[in-house]
Amino acid sequence: MRIKILIPFLTLLLAIAMGDANAQCKAFAKRVVLPELGSYTHDGNYHAAILVEGEEAELYKTFYSDMDYRLSIGGDEKIPPVEFVVLDANRNVLYSNKENKLSGTWDFKLEASQQLKIVVKVPPSNRAGEVPSSGCVAIMFGFRVRR
């Protein structure tokens, strides 16, 4: 009988904890990453997740040829600087912030509308014997209509 009560209670606690982590990430995105869009109009989406050192995440997004874009990515100060790569449908690297001093923003425009893949990675810190850090990583997109 105790197990029947304990399992739903533990499930509820886990759901509450996950909701709190997502809310903290969204707040981080609004506070830290959103201002980096500058004069670009935010697309209204908050892409954020908690990542651990050594983890990576992928995001697919469609971009249109008649727009100028800014991609802004930021990570919590508890984790190493975030690396990201933007790939086209043929897996050609369009941009890598590793080759650009780990910049958190990239301004771009495309010749043709297409779906791009953004791969975000939190590199390992290589601290022997320590538990890897985790923290929020947020990706935001801004746009401007070309004149």
Protein backbone atom coordinates (compact mmCIF):
# COMPACT_ATOMS: atom_id res chain seq x y z
CA MET A 1 0.00 0.00 0.00
CA ARG A 2 2.84 2.41 0.84
CA ILE A 3 4.44 1.87 -2.60
CA LYS A 4 1.19 2.84 -4.36
CA ILE A 5 1.25 6.17 -2.54
CA LEU A 6 5.01 6.73 -2.76
CA ILE A 7 5.34 6.38 -6.57
CA PRO A 8 2.81 9.12 -7.49
CA PHE A 9 4.33 11.38 -4.81
CA LEU A 10 7.86 10.93 -6.21
CA THR A 11 6.58 11.50 -9.76
CA LEU A 12 4.94 14.75 -8.64
CA LEU A 13 8.16 15.94 -6.95
CA LEU A 14 10.18 15.19 -10.09
CA ALA A 15 7.69 17.08 -12.28
CA ILE A 16 7.83 20.10 -9.97
CA ALA A 17 11.64 20.08 -9.96
CA MET A 18 11.82 19.88 -13.77
CA GLY A 19 9.31 22.72 -14.14
CA ASP A 20 11.37 24.87 -11.79
CA ALA A 21 14.58 24.18 -13.78
CA ASN A 22 12.84 25.11 -17.05
CA ALA A 23 11.48 28.31 -15.50
CA GLN A 24 14.98 29.25 -14.29
CA CYS A 25 16.38 28.62 -17.78
CA LYS A 26 13.69 30.77 -19.38
CA ALA A 27 14.45 33.55 -16.90
CA PHE A 28 18.17 33.21 -17.73
CA ALA A 29 17.36 33.44 -21.45
CA LYS A 30 15.31 36.61 -20.93
CA ARG A 31 17.84 38.25 -18.63
CA VAL A 32 21.14 37.34 -20.34
CA VAL A 33 20.60 36.23 -23.95
CA LEU A 34 17.62 38.34 -25.09
CA PRO A 35 19.48 41.67 -24.71
CA GLU A 36 22.18 40.32 -27.06
CA LEU A 37 19.66 40.43 -29.93
CA GLY A 38 20.01 44.23 -29.87
CA SER A 39 17.98 45.90 -32.63
CA TYR A 40 16.77 42.57 -34.07
CA THR A 41 13.16 41.56 -33.38
CA HIS A 42 12.96 38.48 -31.16
CA ASP A 43 11.07 35.63 -32.86
CA GLY A 44 9.16 34.94 -29.63
CA ASN A 45 10.69 31.53 -28.88
CA TYR A 46 12.84 30.70 -25.86
CA HIS A 47 15.06 27.69 -26.54
CA ALA A 48 16.81 26.78 -23.29
CA ALA A 49 17.95 23.64 -21.52
CA ILE A 50 20.21 22.55 -18.72
CA LEU A 51 23.36 20.92 -20.11
CA VAL A 52 26.24 19.19 -18.36
CA GLU A 53 29.88 19.62 -19.37
CA GLY A 54 30.56 17.35 -22.35
CA GLU A 55 26.91 17.36 -23.49
CA GLU A 56 25.59 18.74 -26.75
CA ALA A 57 22.15 19.58 -28.08
CA GLU A 58 20.76 20.11 -31.59
CA LEU A 59 18.11 22.49 -32.83
CA TYR A 60 16.62 22.69 -36.32
CA LYS A 61 15.15 25.96 -37.54
CA THR A 62 13.92 27.28 -40.88
CA PHE A 63 15.28 30.62 -42.09
CA TYR A 64 14.02 32.70 -45.02
CA SER A 65 15.98 34.50 -47.73
CA ASP A 66 14.33 37.91 -47.35
CA MET A 67 15.48 38.42 -43.75
CA ASP A 68 18.59 39.35 -41.80
CA TYR A 69 19.13 37.21 -38.72
CA ARG A 70 21.00 37.26 -35.43
CA LEU A 71 21.63 34.04 -33.53
CA SER A 72 22.49 34.56 -29.88
CA ILE A 73 23.64 31.81 -27.54
CA GLY A 74 24.62 32.09 -23.90
CA GLY A 75 25.55 29.75 -21.09
CA ASP A 76 25.42 29.95 -17.34
CA GLU A 77 28.65 31.13 -15.70
CA LYS A 78 28.95 27.75 -13.90
CA ILE A 79 29.85 26.01 -17.18
CA PRO A 80 32.68 26.54 -19.67
CA PRO A 81 32.03 28.89 -22.62
CA VAL A 82 29.50 27.35 -25.01
CA GLU A 83 30.59 26.24 -28.49
CA PHE A 84 28.17 26.16 -31.40
CA VAL A 85 28.20 25.21 -35.06
CA VAL A 86 25.60 26.02 -37.74
CA LEU A 87 25.18 23.45 -40.53
CA ASP A 88 23.13 23.42 -43.72
CA ALA A 89 21.13 20.42 -45.02
CA ASN A 90 24.28 18.97 -46.63
CA ARG A 91 26.14 19.18 -43.31
CA ASN A 92 28.36 22.01 -44.57
CA VAL A 93 29.59 24.20 -41.72
CA LEU A 94 28.25 27.72 -42.25
CA TYR A 95 29.61 29.09 -38.98
CA SER A 96 31.56 27.90 -35.96
CA ASN A 97 32.06 30.17 -32.98
CA LYS A 98 35.13 28.09 -32.07
CA GLU A 99 36.84 29.76 -35.04
CA ASN A 100 35.58 33.17 -33.89
CA LYS A 101 36.82 33.46 -30.30
CA LEU A 102 33.70 31.66 -28.94
CA SER A 103 31.48 34.59 -29.87
CA GLY A 104 27.95 34.27 -28.53
CA THR A 105 26.30 35.96 -31.53
CA TRP A 106 26.28 35.50 -35.28
CA ASP A 107 24.63 37.83 -37.79
CA PHE A 108 23.76 36.30 -41.15
CA LYS A 109 21.51 36.26 -44.20
CA LEU A 110 20.85 33.46 -46.63
CA GLU A 111 20.65 33.41 -50.43
CA ALA A 112 17.77 30.90 -50.29
CA SER A 113 15.29 29.84 -47.62
CA GLN A 114 16.43 26.69 -45.84
CA GLN A 115 16.44 24.70 -42.65
CA LEU A 116 19.64 24.90 -40.62
CA LYS A 117 20.92 22.75 -37.81
CA ILE A 118 22.45 24.43 -34.77
CA VAL A 119 24.64 22.18 -32.63
CA VAL A 120 25.47 23.54 -29.18
CA LYS A 121 28.14 21.95 -27.01
CA VAL A 122 29.37 22.54 -23.49
CA PRO A 123 32.99 21.38 -23.63
CA PRO A 124 34.40 19.35 -20.74
CA SER A 125 36.60 21.35 -18.37
CA ASN A 126 39.07 18.46 -17.94
CA ARG A 127 39.20 18.83 -14.16
CA ALA A 128 40.28 15.38 -13.00
CA GLY A 129 38.21 13.87 -10.23
CA GLU A 130 35.57 16.61 -10.11
CA VAL A 131 31.89 16.26 -10.89
CA PRO A 132 31.06 17.97 -14.21
CA SER A 133 29.23 21.28 -13.86
CA SER A 134 25.79 21.87 -15.30
CA GLY A 135 24.00 25.04 -16.24
CA CYS A 136 21.46 26.64 -18.46
CA VAL A 137 22.21 27.19 -22.16
CA ALA A 138 19.86 29.42 -24.13
CA ILE A 139 19.51 29.98 -27.88
CA MET A 140 17.52 32.90 -29.25
CA PHE A 141 16.87 34.22 -32.73
CA GLY A 142 16.20 37.73 -33.93
CA PHE A 143 15.27 38.95 -37.40
CA ARG A 144 14.91 42.06 -39.53
CA VAL A 145 13.13 42.36 -42.86
CA ARG A 146 15.56 43.40 -45.58
CA ARG A 147 14.84 46.71 -47.28
